[in-house]
Amino acid sequence: VYAKPDSNYLDDWVLSWLEPEGAVESLPDDTGWQLFSLVLHHFPEARFSSAAGFDKAQLWAHLVERFASTHDQTGRTTMIRCGILRKAAYFDEAIKVATAALSKFNDWFCAITLALAYRSKGDVNAAENAFLQVLKIQADDPVARVEAGDMYFDKREWQNAIRWYQQVLDKEPHHE
């Protein structure tokens, strides 16, 4: 998959290998989370997915849930897990998982994960509140500001988008 990222190895080979009961659960922590990180980057956001891609994302979402049920998690692994759930359009489940992890870890990964889940679901008010929560954890974070700006840009709410983007430019004038 690393050597040929545009291949279908994940879906055509790895997916069928991991689907049998006990297979994905038997992966070591590091190997499993590394694999699911590849899966996360393999799929577009749910709103941009084809029907076939969407079906595959949902299969991977079920696998990541099986894996997560038997393996330790951190804020970073929560981000991977919820990202896959989000790309499979399991927004409410991603929000539930991210909220629980945020109360446990209270870190940047969980906070941004929650914000992105709300954004993907289309709950702009909850997403903005979650982006503000990210900034309480890491005040100088440009990612939360750009993502919030992008959310409003996608909604064609130009003044809100500009407000968030301007905060990035105020801190980093040459930010792309």
Protein backbone atom coordinates (compact mmCIF):
# COMPACT_ATOMS: atom_id res chain seq x y z
CA VAL A 1 0.00 0.00 0.00
CA TYR A 2 2.89 2.38 0.77
CA ALA A 3 4.64 1.45 -2.49
CA LYS A 4 1.53 1.89 -4.62
CA PRO A 5 -0.97 4.13 -2.81
CA ASP A 6 -3.33 4.33 -5.79
CA SER A 7 -3.79 0.54 -5.77
CA ASN A 8 -6.79 -1.34 -4.42
CA TYR A 9 -4.69 -3.58 -2.17
CA LEU A 10 -6.54 -2.46 0.95
CA ASP A 11 -9.96 -3.27 -0.45
CA ASP A 12 -9.11 -6.22 -2.69
CA TRP A 13 -6.72 -8.07 -0.46
CA VAL A 14 -6.46 -6.77 3.10
CA LEU A 15 -10.19 -6.30 3.69
CA SER A 16 -11.07 -9.91 2.89
CA TRP A 17 -8.14 -11.12 4.98
CA LEU A 18 -9.32 -9.22 8.06
CA GLU A 19 -13.07 -9.85 7.85
CA PRO A 20 -13.16 -13.39 9.33
CA GLU A 21 -14.00 -13.45 13.04
CA GLY A 22 -10.89 -12.96 15.16
CA ALA A 23 -8.60 -11.83 12.33
CA VAL A 24 -8.61 -8.06 12.85
CA GLU A 25 -8.74 -8.56 16.62
CA SER A 26 -5.49 -10.55 16.48
CA LEU A 27 -3.44 -7.71 15.01
CA PRO A 28 -0.90 -6.13 17.38
CA ASP A 29 -1.79 -2.59 18.51
CA ASP A 30 0.85 -0.78 16.45
CA THR A 31 0.21 -2.81 13.29
CA GLY A 32 -3.55 -2.38 13.54
CA TRP A 33 -3.50 1.35 14.15
CA GLN A 34 -0.94 1.83 11.38
CA LEU A 35 -3.18 -0.11 9.01
CA PHE A 36 -6.24 1.90 9.99
CA SER A 37 -4.28 5.10 9.51
CA LEU A 38 -3.71 3.99 5.90
CA VAL A 39 -7.42 3.23 5.59
CA LEU A 40 -8.31 6.69 6.92
CA HIS A 41 -6.21 8.35 4.22
CA HIS A 42 -7.50 5.97 1.55
CA PHE A 43 -11.08 7.29 1.58
CA PRO A 44 -12.53 10.72 0.86
CA GLU A 45 -15.02 12.35 3.17
CA ALA A 46 -18.44 10.67 2.95
CA ARG A 47 -19.98 13.49 0.91
CA PHE A 48 -17.36 12.99 -1.82
CA SER A 49 -17.44 9.20 -1.92
CA SER A 50 -18.81 7.07 -4.73
CA ALA A 51 -21.40 4.43 -3.87
CA ALA A 52 -18.80 1.66 -4.15
CA GLY A 53 -16.27 3.62 -2.09
CA PHE A 54 -18.91 4.37 0.50
CA ASP A 55 -19.74 0.66 0.86
CA LYS A 56 -16.04 -0.14 1.35
CA ALA A 57 -15.68 2.64 3.92
CA GLN A 58 -18.56 1.15 5.89
CA LEU A 59 -16.90 -2.29 5.86
CA TRP A 60 -13.70 -0.70 7.20
CA ALA A 61 -15.70 1.17 9.83
CA HIS A 62 -17.05 -2.12 11.14
CA LEU A 63 -13.53 -3.54 11.21
CA VAL A 64 -12.09 -0.56 13.08
CA GLU A 65 -14.87 -0.92 15.66
CA ARG A 66 -14.07 -4.60 16.12
CA PHE A 67 -10.39 -3.78 16.46
CA ALA A 68 -11.00 -0.90 18.89
CA SER A 69 -13.13 -3.11 21.11
CA THR A 70 -10.12 -5.29 21.94
CA HIS A 71 -7.23 -2.78 21.84
CA ASP A 72 -6.04 0.16 23.91
CA GLN A 73 -6.79 3.61 22.63
CA THR A 74 -5.29 7.06 22.92
CA GLY A 75 -6.37 10.44 21.63
CA ARG A 76 -4.45 9.77 18.42
CA THR A 77 -6.05 6.37 17.84
CA THR A 78 -9.45 7.87 18.59
CA MET A 79 -8.79 10.31 15.77
CA ILE A 80 -8.10 7.42 13.38
CA ARG A 81 -11.14 5.45 14.54
CA CYS A 82 -13.52 8.39 14.34
CA GLY A 83 -12.09 9.51 11.02
CA ILE A 84 -13.02 6.17 9.49
CA LEU A 85 -16.47 6.31 11.10
CA ARG A 86 -16.90 9.82 9.71
CA LYS A 87 -15.89 8.76 6.20
CA ALA A 88 -18.44 5.95 6.40
CA ALA A 89 -21.10 8.55 7.41
CA TYR A 90 -21.45 7.12 10.91
CA PHE A 91 -21.45 10.65 12.28
CA ASP A 92 -23.40 10.03 15.47
CA GLU A 93 -21.16 7.11 16.39
CA ALA A 94 -18.04 9.22 15.71
CA ILE A 95 -19.44 11.99 17.92
CA LYS A 96 -20.22 9.51 20.69
CA VAL A 97 -16.74 7.95 20.57
CA ALA A 98 -14.97 11.32 20.36
CA THR A 99 -17.00 12.77 23.24
CA ALA A 100 -16.17 9.82 25.48
CA ALA A 101 -12.48 9.98 24.54
CA LEU A 102 -12.36 13.74 25.09
CA SER A 103 -13.69 13.33 28.62
CA LYS A 104 -11.02 10.67 29.23
CA PHE A 105 -7.96 12.19 27.50
CA ASN A 106 -8.88 15.90 27.07
CA ASP A 107 -6.31 16.32 24.32
CA TRP A 108 -6.06 18.05 20.96
CA PHE A 109 -6.66 14.85 18.99
CA CYS A 110 -10.00 14.13 20.65
CA ALA A 111 -11.14 17.75 20.51
CA ILE A 112 -10.39 18.20 16.79
CA THR A 113 -11.92 14.78 16.11
CA LEU A 114 -15.16 15.87 17.77
CA ALA A 115 -15.19 19.13 15.82
CA LEU A 116 -14.65 17.35 12.51
CA ALA A 117 -17.39 14.85 13.28
CA TYR A 118 -19.88 17.63 13.98
CA ARG A 119 -18.73 19.46 10.85
CA SER A 120 -19.21 16.34 8.71
CA LYS A 121 -22.64 15.80 10.20
CA GLY A 122 -23.57 19.36 9.24
CA ASP A 123 -24.09 20.62 12.80
CA VAL A 124 -22.33 23.97 12.37
CA ASN A 125 -23.08 25.33 15.85
CA ALA A 126 -21.80 22.23 17.63
CA ALA A 127 -18.77 22.13 15.32
CA GLU A 128 -17.89 25.75 16.05
CA ASN A 129 -18.19 25.12 19.79
CA ALA A 130 -15.94 22.08 19.41
CA PHE A 131 -13.38 24.10 17.40
CA LEU A 132 -13.40 26.65 20.24
CA GLN A 133 -12.78 23.79 22.66
CA VAL A 134 -9.74 22.79 20.58
CA LEU A 135 -8.42 26.31 21.03
CA LYS A 136 -8.85 26.05 24.81
CA ILE A 137 -6.54 23.04 24.70
CA GLN A 138 -4.08 24.48 22.16
CA ALA A 139 -4.61 28.22 21.76
CA ASP A 140 -2.21 28.72 18.87
CA ASP A 141 -3.60 25.88 16.72
CA PRO A 142 -4.07 26.93 13.08
CA VAL A 143 -5.71 23.62 12.12
CA ALA A 144 -8.89 24.26 14.10
CA ARG A 145 -9.15 27.76 12.68
CA VAL A 146 -8.62 26.64 9.08
CA GLU A 147 -11.10 23.76 9.47
CA ALA A 148 -13.69 26.12 10.97
CA GLY A 149 -13.07 28.59 8.15
CA ASP A 150 -13.44 25.80 5.60
CA MET A 151 -16.69 24.72 7.22
CA TYR A 152 -18.15 28.19 6.78
CA PHE A 153 -16.64 28.52 3.30
CA ASP A 154 -18.41 25.29 2.26
CA LYS A 155 -21.65 26.76 3.64
CA ARG A 156 -21.00 30.01 1.71
CA GLU A 157 -21.06 31.95 4.96
CA TRP A 158 -18.28 34.26 3.82
CA GLN A 159 -18.04 36.56 6.82
CA ASN A 160 -17.73 33.68 9.26
CA ALA A 161 -15.15 32.01 7.00
CA ILE A 162 -13.14 35.24 6.78
CA ARG A 163 -13.30 35.66 10.58
CA TRP A 164 -11.71 32.24 11.14
CA TYR A 165 -9.18 32.55 8.29
CA GLN A 166 -8.14 36.01 9.49
CA GLN A 167 -7.26 34.57 12.89
CA VAL A 168 -4.79 32.24 11.15
CA LEU A 169 -3.30 35.05 9.09
CA ASP A 170 -2.99 37.27 12.17
CA LYS A 171 -0.73 34.64 13.75
CA GLU A 172 0.90 33.31 10.56
CA PRO A 173 0.81 35.95 7.80
CA HIS A 174 2.30 33.59 5.21
CA HIS A 175 0.08 30.60 5.97
CA GLU A 176 -0.94 28.93 2.72
